[in-house]
Amino acid sequence: MTSKQRAYLKGLAMTMDPILQVGKGSVTPEFTASVAEALEARELIKISVLQNCLDDPREIAAVLAERTRSQVVQVIGKKIVLYKEGKQDKKKIQLP
C-alpha cells in the first residue's frame, strides 16, 4: 500500500464510528472471526480498544491484520483502522 493510498483511507476512516470493541478478553478466535466478517462486508473498519484491555493497541492491530490477512491503516491512541481489499466484483472502495 502506498502512502497516498494510506492517506486516502485515513481520510475515509476519520468520519467513521468504531463498529467493534476489544475488551478485557483481548483477541479471541470469535473476535477475529467477527473482524474478518466485517472486513468482508465493508473493506474498511474502525475498532476501539476499551480501557480494561491491557494489551497494546499496536500489537492487537498487528495480530488482527495477520489473522485476517488485512492491512493496518493506522493506530491512534486506542483506535485501530484496518483495510482489506474486497473481491473484484464486490469492491466498495476505489484506491487512488
Protein backbone atom coordinates (compact mmCIF):
# COMPACT_ATOMS: atom_id res chain seq x y z
CA MET A 1 0.00 0.00 0.00
CA THR A 2 1.43 3.37 -0.97
CA SER A 3 1.45 6.38 1.32
CA LYS A 4 -1.08 8.09 -0.96
CA GLN A 5 -3.49 5.15 -0.62
CA ARG A 6 -2.95 5.06 3.15
CA ALA A 7 -3.69 8.79 3.40
CA TYR A 8 -6.88 8.32 1.36
CA LEU A 9 -8.05 5.51 3.67
CA LYS A 10 -7.21 7.59 6.76
CA GLY A 11 -9.41 10.35 5.39
CA LEU A 12 -12.30 7.94 4.90
CA ALA A 13 -11.81 6.49 8.39
CA MET A 14 -11.93 9.88 10.12
CA THR A 15 -15.69 10.13 9.71
CA MET A 16 -16.37 6.50 10.67
CA ASP A 17 -17.52 5.28 14.06
CA PRO A 18 -15.90 2.17 15.57
CA ILE A 19 -18.01 -0.90 14.80
CA LEU A 20 -16.15 -3.34 17.08
CA GLN A 21 -14.63 -3.11 20.56
CA VAL A 22 -11.75 -5.06 22.09
CA GLY A 23 -12.38 -5.68 25.79
CA LYS A 24 -10.51 -7.46 28.57
CA GLY A 25 -10.81 -10.77 26.71
CA SER A 26 -8.49 -9.24 24.09
CA VAL A 27 -8.24 -11.03 20.71
CA THR A 28 -10.25 -14.26 20.85
CA PRO A 29 -10.95 -16.54 17.86
CA GLU A 30 -14.57 -15.35 17.93
CA PHE A 31 -13.50 -11.70 17.83
CA THR A 32 -11.11 -12.43 14.96
CA ALA A 33 -13.96 -14.09 13.06
CA SER A 34 -16.21 -11.06 13.55
CA VAL A 35 -13.40 -8.75 12.35
CA ALA A 36 -12.93 -10.89 9.23
CA GLU A 37 -16.69 -10.83 8.59
CA ALA A 38 -16.84 -7.04 8.99
CA LEU A 39 -13.86 -6.57 6.64
CA GLU A 40 -15.56 -8.77 4.06
CA ALA A 41 -18.70 -6.64 4.22
CA ARG A 42 -17.14 -3.16 4.49
CA GLU A 43 -13.44 -3.35 3.43
CA LEU A 44 -12.51 -0.54 5.88
CA ILE A 45 -13.34 -0.82 9.59
CA LYS A 46 -12.51 1.03 12.78
CA ILE A 47 -12.03 -0.83 16.07
CA SER A 48 -11.99 0.69 19.54
CA VAL A 49 -9.80 -0.74 22.32
CA LEU A 50 -11.52 -0.37 25.69
CA GLN A 51 -9.78 0.86 28.84
CA ASN A 52 -10.00 -2.55 30.54
CA CYS A 53 -7.93 -4.18 27.77
CA LEU A 54 -4.34 -4.41 28.99
CA ASP A 55 -2.77 -5.23 25.61
CA ASP A 56 -1.05 -2.63 23.42
CA PRO A 57 -3.32 -1.43 20.57
CA ARG A 58 -0.43 -1.68 18.07
CA GLU A 59 0.11 -5.35 18.98
CA ILE A 60 -3.63 -6.04 18.71
CA ALA A 61 -3.69 -4.38 15.29
CA ALA A 62 -0.72 -6.46 14.09
CA VAL A 63 -2.29 -9.72 15.32
CA LEU A 64 -5.68 -8.93 13.75
CA ALA A 65 -4.08 -7.91 10.45
CA GLU A 66 -2.09 -11.14 10.34
CA ARG A 67 -5.05 -13.37 11.19
CA THR A 68 -7.49 -11.68 8.81
CA ARG A 69 -4.92 -11.04 6.03
CA SER A 70 -5.73 -7.33 6.13
CA GLN A 71 -3.59 -4.20 6.41
CA VAL A 72 -3.24 -1.80 9.33
CA VAL A 73 -4.07 1.68 8.06
CA GLN A 74 -3.41 3.44 11.34
CA VAL A 75 -3.41 3.12 15.11
CA ILE A 76 -4.13 6.33 17.00
CA GLY A 77 -4.48 6.07 20.75
CA LYS A 78 -6.99 3.27 21.30
CA LYS A 79 -8.47 3.28 17.79
CA ILE A 80 -7.40 0.81 15.10
CA VAL A 81 -8.25 1.12 11.40
CA LEU A 82 -7.97 -1.98 9.20
CA TYR A 83 -8.39 -2.37 5.44
CA LYS A 84 -8.83 -5.47 3.33
CA GLU A 85 -9.43 -5.20 -0.39
CA GLY A 86 -12.68 -6.79 -1.46
CA LYS A 87 -13.15 -9.26 -4.26
CA GLN A 88 -13.10 -7.77 -7.77
CA ASP A 89 -16.87 -7.94 -8.25
CA LYS A 90 -17.70 -6.54 -4.79
CA LYS A 91 -15.22 -3.66 -4.44
CA LYS A 92 -16.64 -0.74 -2.50
CA ILE A 93 -13.56 1.49 -2.10
CA GLN A 94 -11.53 2.61 -5.11
CA LEU A 95 -7.97 3.41 -4.08
CA PRO A 96 -6.14 6.20 -5.91
